[in-house]
Every structure is written in structure tokens, then in C-alpha cells.
Amino acid sequence: MSSDQRRPSRRRAPVSAGAPRIGVDRVACSGHGICAQTLADVVGLDEWGYPIVADRPVEAKDADLAVKLCPARALYLRP
């Protein structure tokens, strides 16, 4: 996997004011990678498949979906 696939992209879509940010419980995370598929502009994967999260807001509906789809329940919303 190239470094471009692992790191979140630099292009940013407009996000509404007060949008949440994503956090990861690194102990609970088991590296499924669904978060990176759901939030590709904010979450990338390291060489072992664990998330690298950019510290920027995401749309609330996209964040909610990623949290719900995480099989390890390792994602959470931060203000």
C-alpha cells in the first residue's frame, strides 16, 4: 500500500459550523479499516491497518455512520 492510500487526503469538503471530529480508542480498535472507507477524507490507515485520523471536522451524518459501522466500537465523536 502506498503512503497516499494510508494518509487522509488534503482536499477538504466544506463542513458546517460546529461539526464534530472523530476520535479513536486505540486500545479497542482492531484494525478493520471501515472508518477509512467511510471517512476517506479524514481517516487513513497505517501499515498495519490501524487508523490515522486528521484533526479536522467532519459532517455529522458521516461521522455518525462511521461510529455505527465500527465493529470494535472504537470510534467516538469529539466536539
Foldseek 3Di string as FASTA:
>chain_A
DDPVQADADPDDDDEDPPAWFKDFQVVLAPQPQVLCVLCVNAWGADPVRDTDGHPDGDHNVSLVVSCVPRPSSGMDIDD
